[in-house]
Amino acid sequence: MSEEFEDGAEEEFSPESLAEFISAFMSTAAQTEFIYRKNYCTTVANRIYSEWGSEGFCELMVAMDRKADWISDILFESPDLADIAFQKYGIYDQNITKKARETDAMIELNKKLWRLRRKYAKLIVDEIIAKDSQTTDE
């Protein structure tokens, strides 16, 4: 397969070079989609926060939970951490939440929560089924 360019030169295209071109094109398209999605989500989150603050985020979380059939809970809020830091050490750190995510205690908590997640999901379903069977028996 060959193609003639404006200056009259001809370039040979091999199946390998065509496959490389298609691969590079598809990879770039996937990266572009990822970057667009990431930027769009960041823009939406910033817009919600700038207009409605933390309360807007809470409503967004509830809407996401409903749409995705999730059950989310906020473990810690920035004011909780800031209040403890101020009461106990007399300091205020505006980056305390960001720092908290990197602590050994938070990593340990997340690991424990993920392990317990399955256990409690089973217990919750068992309780729901038990209550449903009681109401159908009555």
C-alpha atoms as a PDB file:
ATOM      1  CA  MET A   1       0.000   0.000   0.000  1.00  0.00           C
ATOM      2  CA  SER A   2       1.439   3.406  -0.874  1.00  0.00           C
ATOM      3  CA  GLU A   3       0.298   6.964  -0.640  1.00  0.00           C
ATOM      4  CA  GLU A   4       1.392   9.935  -2.690  1.00  0.00           C
ATOM      5  CA  PHE A   5       1.989  13.191  -0.865  1.00  0.00           C
ATOM      6  CA  GLU A   6       1.618  16.760  -2.185  1.00  0.00           C
ATOM      7  CA  ASP A   7       5.312  17.049  -3.008  1.00  0.00           C
ATOM      8  CA  GLY A   8       5.108  13.950  -5.182  1.00  0.00           C
ATOM      9  CA  ALA A   9       6.927  11.687  -2.734  1.00  0.00           C
ATOM     10  CA  GLU A  10       5.562   8.252  -2.156  1.00  0.00           C
ATOM     11  CA  GLU A  11       5.612   6.457   1.193  1.00  0.00           C
ATOM     12  CA  GLU A  12       5.134   2.739   1.647  1.00  0.00           C
ATOM     13  CA  PHE A  13       2.812   1.643   4.460  1.00  0.00           C
ATOM     14  CA  SER A  14       3.378  -1.803   5.823  1.00  0.00           C
ATOM     15  CA  PRO A  15       0.762  -3.676   7.845  1.00  0.00           C
ATOM     16  CA  GLU A  16       3.037  -3.256  10.888  1.00  0.00           C
ATOM     17  CA  SER A  17       3.248   0.515  10.523  1.00  0.00           C
ATOM     18  CA  LEU A  18      -0.513   0.721  10.027  1.00  0.00           C
ATOM     19  CA  ALA A  19      -1.056  -1.374  13.181  1.00  0.00           C
ATOM     20  CA  GLU A  20       1.345   0.886  15.107  1.00  0.00           C
ATOM     21  CA  PHE A  21      -0.505   3.982  13.870  1.00  0.00           C
ATOM     22  CA  ILE A  22      -3.905   2.566  14.867  1.00  0.00           C
ATOM     23  CA  SER A  23      -2.560   1.467  18.260  1.00  0.00           C
ATOM     24  CA  ALA A  24      -1.093   4.912  18.944  1.00  0.00           C
ATOM     25  CA  PHE A  25      -4.317   6.594  17.808  1.00  0.00           C
ATOM     26  CA  MET A  26      -6.489   4.404  20.048  1.00  0.00           C
ATOM     27  CA  SER A  27      -4.161   4.889  23.013  1.00  0.00           C
ATOM     28  CA  THR A  28      -4.249   8.664  22.572  1.00  0.00           C
ATOM     29  CA  ALA A  29      -8.047   8.596  22.269  1.00  0.00           C
ATOM     30  CA  ALA A  30      -8.344   6.594  25.504  1.00  0.00           C
ATOM     31  CA  GLN A  31      -6.000   8.991  27.303  1.00  0.00           C
ATOM     32  CA  THR A  32      -7.967  11.959  25.995  1.00  0.00           C
ATOM     33  CA  GLU A  33     -11.219  10.463  27.259  1.00  0.00           C
ATOM     34  CA  PHE A  34      -9.664   9.806  30.697  1.00  0.00           C
ATOM     35  CA  ILE A  35      -8.287  13.368  30.917  1.00  0.00           C
ATOM     36  CA  TYR A  36     -11.644  14.825  29.803  1.00  0.00           C
ATOM     37  CA  ARG A  37     -13.549  12.753  32.404  1.00  0.00           C
ATOM     38  CA  LYS A  38     -11.102  13.679  35.175  1.00  0.00           C
ATOM     39  CA  ASN A  39     -11.199  17.390  34.329  1.00  0.00           C
ATOM     40  CA  TYR A  40     -14.981  17.374  33.947  1.00  0.00           C
ATOM     41  CA  CYS A  41     -15.503  15.684  37.332  1.00  0.00           C
ATOM     42  CA  THR A  42     -13.076  18.104  38.983  1.00  0.00           C
ATOM     43  CA  THR A  43     -14.882  21.053  37.399  1.00  0.00           C
ATOM     44  CA  VAL A  44     -18.281  19.792  38.574  1.00  0.00           C
ATOM     45  CA  ALA A  45     -16.983  19.198  42.119  1.00  0.00           C
ATOM     46  CA  ASN A  46     -15.401  22.666  42.247  1.00  0.00           C
ATOM     47  CA  ARG A  47     -18.593  24.258  40.949  1.00  0.00           C
ATOM     48  CA  ILE A  48     -20.745  22.474  43.531  1.00  0.00           C
ATOM     49  CA  TYR A  49     -18.377  23.450  46.339  1.00  0.00           C
ATOM     50  CA  SER A  50     -18.115  27.080  45.235  1.00  0.00           C
ATOM     51  CA  GLU A  51     -21.904  27.453  45.051  1.00  0.00           C
ATOM     52  CA  TRP A  52     -23.085  25.313  47.980  1.00  0.00           C
ATOM     53  CA  GLY A  53     -20.043  24.335  50.058  1.00  0.00           C
ATOM     54  CA  SER A  54     -19.909  21.142  52.097  1.00  0.00           C
ATOM     55  CA  GLU A  55     -23.691  20.861  52.139  1.00  0.00           C
ATOM     56  CA  GLY A  56     -23.629  20.649  48.341  1.00  0.00           C
ATOM     57  CA  PHE A  57     -21.093  17.849  48.525  1.00  0.00           C
ATOM     58  CA  CYS A  58     -23.306  15.966  50.968  1.00  0.00           C
ATOM     59  CA  GLU A  59     -26.247  16.235  48.596  1.00  0.00           C
ATOM     60  CA  LEU A  60     -24.031  15.143  45.709  1.00  0.00           C
ATOM     61  CA  MET A  61     -22.942  12.098  47.720  1.00  0.00           C
ATOM     62  CA  VAL A  62     -26.537  11.180  48.460  1.00  0.00           C
ATOM     63  CA  ALA A  63     -27.407  11.508  44.769  1.00  0.00           C
ATOM     64  CA  MET A  64     -24.403   9.348  43.793  1.00  0.00           C
ATOM     65  CA  ASP A  65     -25.359   6.750  46.399  1.00  0.00           C
ATOM     66  CA  ARG A  66     -28.876   6.530  44.994  1.00  0.00           C
ATOM     67  CA  LYS A  67     -27.767   6.397  41.369  1.00  0.00           C
ATOM     68  CA  ALA A  68     -25.033   3.776  41.937  1.00  0.00           C
ATOM     69  CA  ASP A  69     -26.912   1.815  44.629  1.00  0.00           C
ATOM     70  CA  TRP A  70     -24.147   2.536  47.122  1.00  0.00           C
ATOM     71  CA  ILE A  71     -24.275   3.054  50.845  1.00  0.00           C
ATOM     72  CA  SER A  72     -21.660   5.628  51.812  1.00  0.00           C
ATOM     73  CA  ASP A  73     -20.779   7.162  55.092  1.00  0.00           C
ATOM     74  CA  ILE A  74     -18.399   9.947  55.956  1.00  0.00           C
ATOM     75  CA  LEU A  75     -15.786   8.629  58.382  1.00  0.00           C
ATOM     76  CA  PHE A  76     -14.220  11.895  59.390  1.00  0.00           C
ATOM     77  CA  GLU A  77     -14.950  15.459  58.490  1.00  0.00           C
ATOM     78  CA  SER A  78     -12.304  18.146  58.401  1.00  0.00           C
ATOM     79  CA  PRO A  79     -13.902  20.062  61.313  1.00  0.00           C
ATOM     80  CA  ASP A  80     -13.670  16.938  63.508  1.00  0.00           C
ATOM     81  CA  LEU A  81      -9.937  16.660  62.935  1.00  0.00           C
ATOM     82  CA  ALA A  82      -9.379  20.422  63.179  1.00  0.00           C
ATOM     83  CA  ASP A  83     -11.309  20.643  66.461  1.00  0.00           C
ATOM     84  CA  ILE A  84      -9.254  17.860  68.049  1.00  0.00           C
ATOM     85  CA  ALA A  85      -5.979  19.382  66.842  1.00  0.00           C
ATOM     86  CA  PHE A  86      -6.959  22.773  68.252  1.00  0.00           C
ATOM     87  CA  GLN A  87      -8.339  21.472  71.549  1.00  0.00           C
ATOM     88  CA  LYS A  88      -5.471  19.103  72.232  1.00  0.00           C
ATOM     89  CA  TYR A  89      -2.486  20.951  70.704  1.00  0.00           C
ATOM     90  CA  GLY A  90      -3.705  24.521  70.206  1.00  0.00           C
ATOM     91  CA  ILE A  91      -2.970  24.534  66.479  1.00  0.00           C
ATOM     92  CA  TYR A  92      -5.016  24.886  63.318  1.00  0.00           C
ATOM     93  CA  ASP A  93      -3.837  23.114  60.164  1.00  0.00           C
ATOM     94  CA  GLN A  94      -5.821  23.797  57.006  1.00  0.00           C
ATOM     95  CA  ASN A  95      -4.302  20.682  55.371  1.00  0.00           C
ATOM     96  CA  ILE A  96      -5.174  18.308  58.207  1.00  0.00           C
ATOM     97  CA  THR A  97      -7.549  16.162  56.121  1.00  0.00           C
ATOM     98  CA  LYS A  98      -4.988  15.706  53.376  1.00  0.00           C
ATOM     99  CA  LYS A  99      -2.363  14.781  55.953  1.00  0.00           C
ATOM    100  CA  ALA A 100      -4.783  12.421  57.726  1.00  0.00           C
ATOM    101  CA  ARG A 101      -5.152  10.323  54.563  1.00  0.00           C
ATOM    102  CA  GLU A 102      -1.434   9.540  54.687  1.00  0.00           C
ATOM    103  CA  THR A 103      -1.219   8.488  58.343  1.00  0.00           C
ATOM    104  CA  ASP A 104      -0.627   4.908  59.421  1.00  0.00           C
ATOM    105  CA  ALA A 105      -3.767   5.074  61.565  1.00  0.00           C
ATOM    106  CA  MET A 106      -5.961   6.011  58.583  1.00  0.00           C
ATOM    107  CA  ILE A 107      -4.415   3.301  56.401  1.00  0.00           C
ATOM    108  CA  GLU A 108      -4.992   0.755  59.184  1.00  0.00           C
ATOM    109  CA  LEU A 109      -8.582   1.940  59.605  1.00  0.00           C
ATOM    110  CA  ASN A 110      -9.260   1.584  55.885  1.00  0.00           C
ATOM    111  CA  LYS A 111      -7.822  -1.938  55.828  1.00  0.00           C
ATOM    112  CA  LYS A 112      -9.978  -2.955  58.796  1.00  0.00           C
ATOM    113  CA  LEU A 113     -13.072  -1.406  57.268  1.00  0.00           C
ATOM    114  CA  TRP A 114     -12.562  -3.252  53.974  1.00  0.00           C
ATOM    115  CA  ARG A 115     -12.157  -6.555  55.831  1.00  0.00           C
ATOM    116  CA  LEU A 116     -15.255  -5.912  57.929  1.00  0.00           C
ATOM    117  CA  ARG A 117     -17.267  -4.751  54.942  1.00  0.00           C
ATOM    118  CA  ARG A 118     -18.060  -8.274  53.737  1.00  0.00           C
ATOM    119  CA  LYS A 119     -18.844  -9.543  57.242  1.00  0.00           C
ATOM    120  CA  TYR A 120     -21.322  -6.774  57.943  1.00  0.00           C
ATOM    121  CA  ALA A 121     -22.862  -6.907  54.485  1.00  0.00           C
ATOM    122  CA  LYS A 122     -23.769 -10.548  55.222  1.00  0.00           C
ATOM    123  CA  LEU A 123     -25.122  -9.645  58.670  1.00  0.00           C
ATOM    124  CA  ILE A 124     -27.193  -6.802  57.224  1.00  0.00           C
ATOM    125  CA  VAL A 125     -28.695  -9.022  54.524  1.00  0.00           C
ATOM    126  CA  ASP A 126     -29.441 -11.752  57.077  1.00  0.00           C
ATOM    127  CA  GLU A 127     -31.254  -9.213  59.260  1.00  0.00           C
ATOM    128  CA  ILE A 128     -33.251  -7.857  56.300  1.00  0.00           C
ATOM    129  CA  ILE A 129     -34.285 -11.345  55.214  1.00  0.00           C
ATOM    130  CA  ALA A 130     -35.229 -12.287  58.790  1.00  0.00           C
ATOM    131  CA  LYS A 131     -37.425  -9.174  59.123  1.00  0.00           C
ATOM    132  CA  ASP A 132     -39.004  -9.768  55.704  1.00  0.00           C
ATOM    133  CA  SER A 133     -39.805 -13.379  56.551  1.00  0.00           C
ATOM    134  CA  GLN A 134     -41.408 -12.262  59.855  1.00  0.00           C
ATOM    135  CA  THR A 135     -43.703  -9.835  58.054  1.00  0.00           C
ATOM    136  CA  THR A 136     -44.733 -12.448  55.490  1.00  0.00           C
ATOM    137  CA  ASP A 137     -45.420 -15.000  58.266  1.00  0.00           C
ATOM    138  CA  GLU A 138     -47.810 -12.613  60.016  1.00  0.00           C
END
